[in-house]
Amino acid sequence: MHYFLPSLVAYVYQTITTTLKVFPTIMTRFMVSLFTVTWEEINKLKDQYIEEFIKGDVDPRQTDSDGLPYSLDLLMLEEMDFLQSCLRSKSVKEEYIKALQSSSEPLDRMIFTCICLSQITSEEEATWDVDNNAFLAEETDVSSNYTCRTSSGDMIMVILP
């Protein structure tokens, strides 16, 4: 993926989220489609994210020469946050509940994806091996960076009926 593409897409999600907050009724008719597209995108990028950031040692939160973020982890974070916003909208919630009434597959897939994205990284694993108290202090620190791992936990709370 080209280095600036995740950054651009992340800014698009930030813009849509802001628009949703300011003009919620205007966005209502688009919410189901936006949710579906974002969900498909997360599932396409999930394996790459796991390889690069959980199993691999790609530096998270990378920035370009202008100081703008461009890494995949930031894109995934924006997408997860956007999905949470979508699930709070009435139209998406109704579709989600309808889907759950016919099958538990949507819920199963969402939980599976959240679990995949919430695994600790190899760097965090190394911190645990060296000093588990330091790991726990970082995990429980309220002011710590908001990560895909944290967002996945928040998503679980939103999707459970």
N, C-alpha and C. Protein backbone atom coordinates (compact mmCIF):
# COMPACT_ATOMS: atom_id res chain seq x y z
N MET A 1 0.85 -1.16 0.00
CA MET A 1 0.00 0.00 0.00
C MET A 1 0.89 1.23 0.00
N HIS A 2 0.61 2.17 -0.88
CA HIS A 2 1.42 3.36 -0.97
C HIS A 2 1.36 4.11 0.36
N TYR A 3 2.46 4.77 0.73
CA TYR A 3 2.56 5.30 2.07
C TYR A 3 1.53 6.38 2.39
N PHE A 4 1.04 7.14 1.43
CA PHE A 4 0.11 8.19 1.77
C PHE A 4 -1.35 7.76 1.68
N LEU A 5 -1.64 6.61 1.12
CA LEU A 5 -3.01 6.16 0.97
C LEU A 5 -3.72 5.94 2.31
N PRO A 6 -3.13 5.23 3.28
CA PRO A 6 -3.82 5.09 4.56
C PRO A 6 -4.13 6.43 5.21
N SER A 7 -3.21 7.38 5.06
CA SER A 7 -3.42 8.70 5.64
C SER A 7 -4.63 9.39 5.02
N LEU A 8 -4.73 9.35 3.70
CA LEU A 8 -5.85 9.98 3.02
C LEU A 8 -7.17 9.33 3.40
N VAL A 9 -7.20 8.03 3.41
CA VAL A 9 -8.43 7.32 3.77
C VAL A 9 -8.80 7.60 5.22
N ALA A 10 -7.81 7.65 6.11
CA ALA A 10 -8.09 7.95 7.52
C ALA A 10 -8.70 9.34 7.65
N TYR A 11 -8.21 10.30 6.89
CA TYR A 11 -8.78 11.65 6.94
C TYR A 11 -10.20 11.66 6.38
N VAL A 12 -10.48 10.83 5.39
CA VAL A 12 -11.84 10.72 4.87
C VAL A 12 -12.77 10.22 5.97
N TYR A 13 -12.33 9.20 6.71
CA TYR A 13 -13.14 8.69 7.82
C TYR A 13 -13.34 9.74 8.90
N GLN A 14 -12.30 10.51 9.20
CA GLN A 14 -12.44 11.57 10.19
C GLN A 14 -13.45 12.62 9.72
N THR A 15 -13.41 12.95 8.44
CA THR A 15 -14.33 13.93 7.87
C THR A 15 -15.77 13.43 7.91
N ILE A 16 -15.96 12.16 7.53
CA ILE A 16 -17.30 11.58 7.56
C ILE A 16 -17.83 11.53 9.00
N THR A 17 -16.98 11.17 9.94
CA THR A 17 -17.39 11.12 11.34
C THR A 17 -17.80 12.50 11.83
N THR A 18 -17.04 13.53 11.47
CA THR A 18 -17.39 14.89 11.85
C THR A 18 -18.70 15.31 11.21
N THR A 19 -18.87 14.99 9.94
CA THR A 19 -20.12 15.30 9.24
C THR A 19 -21.29 14.60 9.91
N LEU A 20 -21.09 13.37 10.32
CA LEU A 20 -22.12 12.60 11.00
C LEU A 20 -22.52 13.26 12.31
N LYS A 21 -21.55 13.79 13.03
CA LYS A 21 -21.84 14.44 14.30
C LYS A 21 -22.60 15.75 14.09
N VAL A 22 -22.23 16.49 13.04
CA VAL A 22 -22.83 17.80 12.80
C VAL A 22 -24.19 17.69 12.08
N PHE A 23 -24.27 16.78 11.10
CA PHE A 23 -25.49 16.62 10.31
C PHE A 23 -25.97 15.16 10.34
N PRO A 24 -26.39 14.67 11.48
CA PRO A 24 -26.74 13.25 11.57
C PRO A 24 -27.88 12.83 10.66
N THR A 25 -28.87 13.68 10.47
CA THR A 25 -30.02 13.28 9.64
C THR A 25 -29.66 13.21 8.16
N ILE A 26 -28.74 14.03 7.73
CA ILE A 26 -28.33 14.00 6.32
C ILE A 26 -27.60 12.70 6.00
N MET A 27 -26.85 12.20 6.96
CA MET A 27 -26.04 11.01 6.73
C MET A 27 -26.81 9.70 6.91
N THR A 28 -28.02 9.76 7.46
CA THR A 28 -28.78 8.55 7.79
C THR A 28 -28.91 7.59 6.61
N ARG A 29 -29.25 8.09 5.46
CA ARG A 29 -29.49 7.20 4.31
C ARG A 29 -28.22 6.53 3.79
N PHE A 30 -27.07 7.03 4.18
CA PHE A 30 -25.81 6.46 3.72
C PHE A 30 -25.16 5.52 4.73
N MET A 31 -25.67 5.49 5.94
CA MET A 31 -24.98 4.80 7.03
C MET A 31 -24.83 3.29 6.80
N VAL A 32 -25.85 2.63 6.30
CA VAL A 32 -25.75 1.18 6.09
C VAL A 32 -24.68 0.88 5.04
N SER A 33 -24.68 1.66 3.96
CA SER A 33 -23.68 1.46 2.90
C SER A 33 -22.28 1.76 3.41
N LEU A 34 -22.12 2.85 4.16
CA LEU A 34 -20.81 3.19 4.70
C LEU A 34 -20.33 2.13 5.68
N PHE A 35 -21.24 1.62 6.49
CA PHE A 35 -20.88 0.56 7.41
C PHE A 35 -20.40 -0.67 6.65
N THR A 36 -21.15 -1.08 5.63
CA THR A 36 -20.81 -2.28 4.86
C THR A 36 -19.45 -2.14 4.19
N VAL A 37 -19.21 -1.01 3.56
CA VAL A 37 -17.94 -0.79 2.87
C VAL A 37 -16.78 -0.77 3.86
N THR A 38 -16.97 -0.12 4.99
CA THR A 38 -15.91 -0.04 6.00
C THR A 38 -15.64 -1.42 6.60
N TRP A 39 -16.70 -2.18 6.86
CA TRP A 39 -16.54 -3.52 7.40
C TRP A 39 -15.75 -4.41 6.43
N GLU A 40 -16.07 -4.33 5.15
CA GLU A 40 -15.35 -5.10 4.13
C GLU A 40 -13.88 -4.68 4.08
N GLU A 41 -13.63 -3.39 4.18
CA GLU A 41 -12.25 -2.87 4.16
C GLU A 41 -11.45 -3.39 5.35
N ILE A 42 -12.03 -3.36 6.52
CA ILE A 42 -11.34 -3.86 7.71
C ILE A 42 -10.99 -5.33 7.54
N ASN A 43 -11.91 -6.11 7.03
CA ASN A 43 -11.66 -7.53 6.84
C ASN A 43 -10.61 -7.80 5.78
N LYS A 44 -10.49 -6.93 4.78
CA LYS A 44 -9.44 -7.08 3.77
C LYS A 44 -8.07 -6.74 4.35
N LEU A 45 -8.02 -5.74 5.20
CA LEU A 45 -6.74 -5.26 5.74
C LEU A 45 -6.32 -5.97 7.02
N LYS A 46 -7.23 -6.72 7.62
CA LYS A 46 -6.97 -7.37 8.91
C LYS A 46 -5.70 -8.23 8.88
N ASP A 47 -5.58 -9.08 7.86
CA ASP A 47 -4.42 -9.97 7.80
C ASP A 47 -3.11 -9.21 7.63
N GLN A 48 -3.13 -8.16 6.80
CA GLN A 48 -1.93 -7.34 6.63
C GLN A 48 -1.58 -6.65 7.94
N TYR A 49 -2.58 -6.14 8.65
CA TYR A 49 -2.35 -5.50 9.94
C TYR A 49 -1.72 -6.48 10.92
N ILE A 50 -2.25 -7.68 10.98
CA ILE A 50 -1.73 -8.70 11.90
C ILE A 50 -0.28 -9.03 11.56
N GLU A 51 0.02 -9.21 10.28
CA GLU A 51 1.39 -9.52 9.86
C GLU A 51 2.36 -8.40 10.20
N GLU A 52 1.96 -7.15 9.92
CA GLU A 52 2.87 -6.02 10.10
C GLU A 52 2.99 -5.55 11.54
N PHE A 53 1.87 -5.48 12.26
CA PHE A 53 1.89 -4.84 13.57
C PHE A 53 1.81 -5.79 14.75
N ILE A 54 1.21 -6.95 14.56
CA ILE A 54 1.11 -7.88 15.68
C ILE A 54 2.24 -8.90 15.63
N LYS A 55 2.41 -9.56 14.50
CA LYS A 55 3.51 -10.52 14.37
C LYS A 55 4.82 -9.84 14.02
N GLY A 56 4.75 -8.83 13.17
CA GLY A 56 5.94 -8.13 12.72
C GLY A 56 6.34 -7.03 13.68
N ASP A 57 7.30 -6.24 13.25
CA ASP A 57 7.77 -5.15 14.10
C ASP A 57 7.75 -3.82 13.36
N VAL A 58 6.71 -3.61 12.54
CA VAL A 58 6.57 -2.33 11.85
C VAL A 58 6.32 -1.26 12.89
N ASP A 59 6.97 -0.14 12.73
CA ASP A 59 6.85 0.97 13.66
C ASP A 59 5.45 1.57 13.55
N PRO A 60 4.68 1.54 14.62
CA PRO A 60 3.34 2.12 14.55
C PRO A 60 3.37 3.65 14.53
N ARG A 61 2.30 4.20 14.09
CA ARG A 61 2.12 5.66 14.10
C ARG A 61 3.23 6.40 13.35
N GLN A 62 3.52 5.93 12.15
CA GLN A 62 4.56 6.56 11.33
C GLN A 62 4.06 7.89 10.78
N THR A 63 5.00 8.82 10.61
CA THR A 63 4.65 10.11 10.03
C THR A 63 5.59 10.41 8.87
N ASP A 64 5.10 11.23 7.93
CA ASP A 64 5.92 11.60 6.79
C ASP A 64 6.76 12.83 7.13
N SER A 65 7.42 13.40 6.14
CA SER A 65 8.31 14.53 6.38
C SER A 65 7.55 15.78 6.85
N ASP A 66 6.24 15.83 6.59
CA ASP A 66 5.44 16.96 7.05
C ASP A 66 4.82 16.71 8.43
N GLY A 67 5.11 15.55 9.01
CA GLY A 67 4.57 15.21 10.31
C GLY A 67 3.17 14.64 10.26
N LEU A 68 2.70 14.28 9.06
CA LEU A 68 1.36 13.71 8.92
C LEU A 68 1.42 12.19 9.05
N PRO A 69 0.50 11.59 9.79
CA PRO A 69 0.51 10.14 9.96
C PRO A 69 0.12 9.43 8.68
N TYR A 70 0.72 8.25 8.45
CA TYR A 70 0.38 7.52 7.24
C TYR A 70 0.36 6.01 7.41
N SER A 71 0.45 5.50 8.61
CA SER A 71 0.58 4.06 8.77
C SER A 71 -0.77 3.35 8.80
N LEU A 72 -0.72 2.06 8.50
CA LEU A 72 -1.90 1.22 8.45
C LEU A 72 -2.61 1.13 9.79
N ASP A 73 -1.88 1.16 10.89
CA ASP A 73 -2.52 1.06 12.19
C ASP A 73 -3.45 2.24 12.46
N LEU A 74 -3.08 3.42 11.98
CA LEU A 74 -3.95 4.58 12.15
C LEU A 74 -5.21 4.46 11.30
N LEU A 75 -5.07 3.92 10.11
CA LEU A 75 -6.23 3.69 9.25
C LEU A 75 -7.18 2.70 9.91
N MET A 76 -6.65 1.61 10.42
CA MET A 76 -7.48 0.60 11.07
C MET A 76 -8.20 1.20 12.29
N LEU A 77 -7.50 2.04 13.03
CA LEU A 77 -8.09 2.69 14.20
C LEU A 77 -9.25 3.58 13.79
N GLU A 78 -9.06 4.39 12.75
CA GLU A 78 -10.13 5.27 12.26
C GLU A 78 -11.32 4.45 11.77
N GLU A 79 -11.04 3.36 11.07
CA GLU A 79 -12.13 2.52 10.57
C GLU A 79 -12.90 1.86 11.71
N MET A 80 -12.21 1.37 12.72
CA MET A 80 -12.88 0.76 13.86
C MET A 80 -13.75 1.79 14.60
N ASP A 81 -13.22 2.98 14.78
CA ASP A 81 -13.99 4.03 15.44
C ASP A 81 -15.21 4.41 14.60
N PHE A 82 -15.04 4.46 13.29
CA PHE A 82 -16.16 4.79 12.41
C PHE A 82 -17.24 3.71 12.48
N LEU A 83 -16.84 2.44 12.51
CA LEU A 83 -17.81 1.36 12.63
C LEU A 83 -18.62 1.50 13.93
N GLN A 84 -17.97 1.90 14.99
CA GLN A 84 -18.69 2.10 16.24
C GLN A 84 -19.73 3.20 16.10
N SER A 85 -19.35 4.28 15.41
CA SER A 85 -20.30 5.37 15.15
C SER A 85 -21.47 4.87 14.32
N CYS A 86 -21.17 4.07 13.32
CA CYS A 86 -22.23 3.53 12.47
C CYS A 86 -23.19 2.66 13.27
N LEU A 87 -22.65 1.82 14.13
CA LEU A 87 -23.49 0.92 14.92
C LEU A 87 -24.38 1.65 15.91
N ARG A 88 -24.05 2.88 16.19
CA ARG A 88 -24.89 3.67 17.08
C ARG A 88 -26.04 4.35 16.32
N SER A 89 -25.95 4.37 14.99
CA SER A 89 -27.02 4.99 14.21
C SER A 89 -28.21 4.04 14.11
N LYS A 90 -29.39 4.62 14.06
CA LYS A 90 -30.61 3.82 14.08
C LYS A 90 -30.71 2.89 12.88
N SER A 91 -30.37 3.36 11.69
CA SER A 91 -30.52 2.54 10.48
C SER A 91 -29.58 1.33 10.49
N VAL A 92 -28.36 1.52 10.90
CA VAL A 92 -27.41 0.40 10.96
C VAL A 92 -27.80 -0.56 12.08
N LYS A 93 -28.19 -0.01 13.21
CA LYS A 93 -28.60 -0.86 14.34
C LYS A 93 -29.77 -1.75 13.94
N GLU A 94 -30.74 -1.20 13.20
CA GLU A 94 -31.89 -2.00 12.76
C GLU A 94 -31.44 -3.12 11.82
N GLU A 95 -30.56 -2.82 10.87
CA GLU A 95 -30.06 -3.84 9.95
C GLU A 95 -29.27 -4.91 10.70
N TYR A 96 -28.48 -4.47 11.64
CA TYR A 96 -27.67 -5.38 12.44
C TYR A 96 -28.56 -6.33 13.24
N ILE A 97 -29.59 -5.80 13.86
CA ILE A 97 -30.51 -6.63 14.65
C ILE A 97 -31.26 -7.60 13.75
N LYS A 98 -31.68 -7.14 12.56
CA LYS A 98 -32.34 -8.05 11.60
C LYS A 98 -31.40 -9.19 11.22
N ALA A 99 -30.15 -8.86 10.94
CA ALA A 99 -29.17 -9.88 10.56
C ALA A 99 -28.96 -10.88 11.70
N LEU A 100 -28.94 -10.39 12.93
CA LEU A 100 -28.74 -11.27 14.08
C LEU A 100 -29.93 -12.18 14.33
N GLN A 101 -31.12 -11.72 13.96
CA GLN A 101 -32.31 -12.55 14.15
C GLN A 101 -32.31 -13.76 13.22
N SER A 102 -31.68 -13.62 12.07
CA SER A 102 -31.66 -14.74 11.13
C SER A 102 -30.43 -15.63 11.32
N SER A 103 -29.35 -15.08 11.85
CA SER A 103 -28.12 -15.86 12.02
C SER A 103 -27.19 -15.15 13.00
N SER A 104 -26.37 -15.93 13.68
CA SER A 104 -25.38 -15.31 14.58
C SER A 104 -24.07 -15.03 13.85
N GLU A 105 -24.01 -15.33 12.56
CA GLU A 105 -22.77 -15.16 11.80
C GLU A 105 -22.23 -13.73 11.83
N PRO A 106 -23.06 -12.68 11.66
CA PRO A 106 -22.49 -11.32 11.71
C PRO A 106 -21.81 -11.03 13.05
N LEU A 107 -22.44 -11.45 14.13
CA LEU A 107 -21.86 -11.23 15.45
C LEU A 107 -20.58 -12.04 15.61
N ASP A 108 -20.61 -13.29 15.17
CA ASP A 108 -19.42 -14.14 15.26
C ASP A 108 -18.26 -13.54 14.49
N ARG A 109 -18.51 -13.06 13.27
CA ARG A 109 -17.45 -12.47 12.45
C ARG A 109 -16.89 -11.21 13.10
N MET A 110 -17.77 -10.38 13.66
CA MET A 110 -17.30 -9.15 14.29
C MET A 110 -16.46 -9.44 15.52
N ILE A 111 -16.91 -10.38 16.33
CA ILE A 111 -16.13 -10.74 17.52
C ILE A 111 -14.78 -11.32 17.11
N PHE A 112 -14.77 -12.20 16.10
CA PHE A 112 -13.53 -12.78 15.63
C PHE A 112 -12.56 -11.69 15.15
N THR A 113 -13.07 -10.75 14.36
CA THR A 113 -12.22 -9.66 13.86
C THR A 113 -11.69 -8.81 15.01
N CYS A 114 -12.54 -8.49 15.96
CA CYS A 114 -12.09 -7.70 17.11
C CYS A 114 -11.02 -8.43 17.91
N ILE A 115 -11.19 -9.72 18.08
CA ILE A 115 -10.18 -10.51 18.80
C ILE A 115 -8.86 -10.51 18.03
N CYS A 116 -8.94 -10.68 16.72
CA CYS A 116 -7.72 -10.66 15.89
C CYS A 116 -6.99 -9.34 16.02
N LEU A 117 -7.73 -8.24 16.00
CA LEU A 117 -7.11 -6.91 16.05
C LEU A 117 -6.69 -6.50 17.46
N SER A 118 -7.16 -7.22 18.46
CA SER A 118 -6.83 -6.83 19.82
C SER A 118 -5.68 -7.63 20.43
N GLN A 119 -5.04 -8.47 19.63
CA GLN A 119 -3.90 -9.23 20.14
C GLN A 119 -2.76 -8.28 20.49
N ILE A 120 -1.95 -8.68 21.46
CA ILE A 120 -0.82 -7.82 21.80
C ILE A 120 0.26 -7.98 20.73
N THR A 121 0.97 -6.90 20.51
CA THR A 121 2.01 -6.90 19.50
C THR A 121 3.25 -7.63 20.02
N SER A 122 4.16 -7.91 19.10
CA SER A 122 5.39 -8.58 19.51
C SER A 122 6.20 -7.68 20.46
N GLU A 123 6.10 -6.37 20.26
CA GLU A 123 6.79 -5.43 21.15
C GLU A 123 6.18 -5.49 22.55
N GLU A 124 4.85 -5.51 22.63
CA GLU A 124 4.18 -5.61 23.92
C GLU A 124 4.49 -6.94 24.60
N GLU A 125 4.58 -7.99 23.79
CA GLU A 125 4.93 -9.31 24.32
C GLU A 125 6.33 -9.30 24.92
N ALA A 126 7.24 -8.60 24.24
CA ALA A 126 8.60 -8.49 24.76
C ALA A 126 8.61 -7.70 26.07
N THR A 127 7.79 -6.65 26.15
CA THR A 127 7.69 -5.87 27.39
C THR A 127 7.18 -6.76 28.52
N TRP A 128 6.21 -7.61 28.22
CA TRP A 128 5.68 -8.54 29.22
C TRP A 128 6.76 -9.48 29.71
N ASP A 129 7.55 -10.00 28.76
CA ASP A 129 8.61 -10.94 29.12
C ASP A 129 9.67 -10.29 30.00
N VAL A 130 9.98 -9.04 29.74
CA VAL A 130 11.01 -8.34 30.50
C VAL A 130 10.48 -7.86 31.85
N ASP A 131 9.30 -7.20 31.80
CA ASP A 131 8.75 -6.63 33.03
C ASP A 131 7.23 -6.58 32.91
N ASN A 132 6.57 -7.58 33.47
CA ASN A 132 5.12 -7.63 33.33
C ASN A 132 4.43 -6.49 34.07
N ASN A 133 5.06 -5.94 35.09
CA ASN A 133 4.48 -4.78 35.77
C ASN A 133 4.46 -3.56 34.86
N ALA A 134 5.52 -3.38 34.07
CA ALA A 134 5.55 -2.27 33.13
C ALA A 134 4.47 -2.44 32.07
N PHE A 135 4.29 -3.67 31.60
CA PHE A 135 3.25 -3.95 30.61
C PHE A 135 1.87 -3.60 31.18
N LEU A 136 1.60 -4.07 32.39
CA LEU A 136 0.31 -3.81 33.02
C LEU A 136 0.10 -2.32 33.30
N ALA A 137 1.16 -1.63 33.67
CA ALA A 137 1.05 -0.18 33.91
C ALA A 137 0.68 0.55 32.62
N GLU A 138 1.28 0.15 31.51
CA GLU A 138 0.95 0.77 30.22
C GLU A 138 -0.47 0.44 29.81
N GLU A 139 -0.90 -0.81 30.02
CA GLU A 139 -2.24 -1.25 29.62
C GLU A 139 -3.33 -0.54 30.41
N THR A 140 -3.07 -0.24 31.67
CA THR A 140 -4.09 0.37 32.51
C THR A 140 -3.97 1.89 32.58
N ASP A 141 -2.96 2.46 31.95
CA ASP A 141 -2.76 3.90 31.95
C ASP A 141 -3.86 4.58 31.14
N VAL A 142 -4.63 5.42 31.79
CA VAL A 142 -5.75 6.11 31.14
C VAL A 142 -5.25 7.02 30.03
N SER A 143 -4.09 7.61 30.19
CA SER A 143 -3.58 8.55 29.20
C SER A 143 -2.75 7.89 28.10
N SER A 144 -2.71 6.56 28.10
CA SER A 144 -1.91 5.88 27.08
C SER A 144 -2.54 6.07 25.71
N ASN A 145 -1.76 5.77 24.68
CA ASN A 145 -2.24 5.94 23.32
C ASN A 145 -3.45 5.06 23.06
N TYR A 146 -4.41 5.63 22.35
CA TYR A 146 -5.59 4.88 21.93
C TYR A 146 -5.19 4.07 20.72
N THR A 147 -5.28 2.75 20.83
CA THR A 147 -4.80 1.87 19.78
C THR A 147 -5.93 1.05 19.19
N CYS A 148 -5.61 0.31 18.15
CA CYS A 148 -6.57 -0.60 17.54
C CYS A 148 -7.00 -1.65 18.56
N ARG A 149 -6.11 -2.02 19.41
CA ARG A 149 -6.40 -2.98 20.49
C ARG A 149 -7.49 -2.42 21.40
N THR A 150 -7.36 -1.18 21.82
CA THR A 150 -8.34 -0.53 22.68
C THR A 150 -9.66 -0.36 21.95
N SER A 151 -9.58 0.07 20.71
CA SER A 151 -10.78 0.28 19.90
C SER A 151 -11.54 -1.02 19.69
N SER A 152 -10.82 -2.12 19.54
CA SER A 152 -11.46 -3.42 19.38
C SER A 152 -12.26 -3.80 20.63
N GLY A 153 -11.71 -3.51 21.79
CA GLY A 153 -12.44 -3.75 23.03
C GLY A 153 -13.70 -2.89 23.12
N ASP A 154 -13.58 -1.64 22.70
CA ASP A 154 -14.74 -0.75 22.68
C ASP A 154 -15.80 -1.26 21.70
N MET A 155 -15.33 -1.79 20.58
CA MET A 155 -16.25 -2.31 19.56
C MET A 155 -17.03 -3.50 20.09
N ILE A 156 -16.38 -4.37 20.84
CA ILE A 156 -17.06 -5.53 21.44
C ILE A 156 -18.22 -5.05 22.31
N MET A 157 -18.00 -4.00 23.07
CA MET A 157 -19.06 -3.49 23.94
C MET A 157 -20.23 -2.93 23.13
N VAL A 158 -19.95 -2.39 21.96
CA VAL A 158 -21.01 -1.83 21.12
C VAL A 158 -21.80 -2.90 20.40
N ILE A 159 -21.12 -3.97 19.94
CA ILE A 159 -21.80 -4.95 19.10
C ILE A 159 -22.60 -6.01 19.88
N LEU A 160 -22.30 -6.17 21.14
CA LEU A 160 -23.05 -7.17 21.89
C LEU A 160 -24.46 -6.66 22.15
N PRO A 161 -25.45 -7.44 21.76
CA PRO A 161 -26.85 -6.97 21.88
C PRO A 161 -27.32 -6.93 23.32
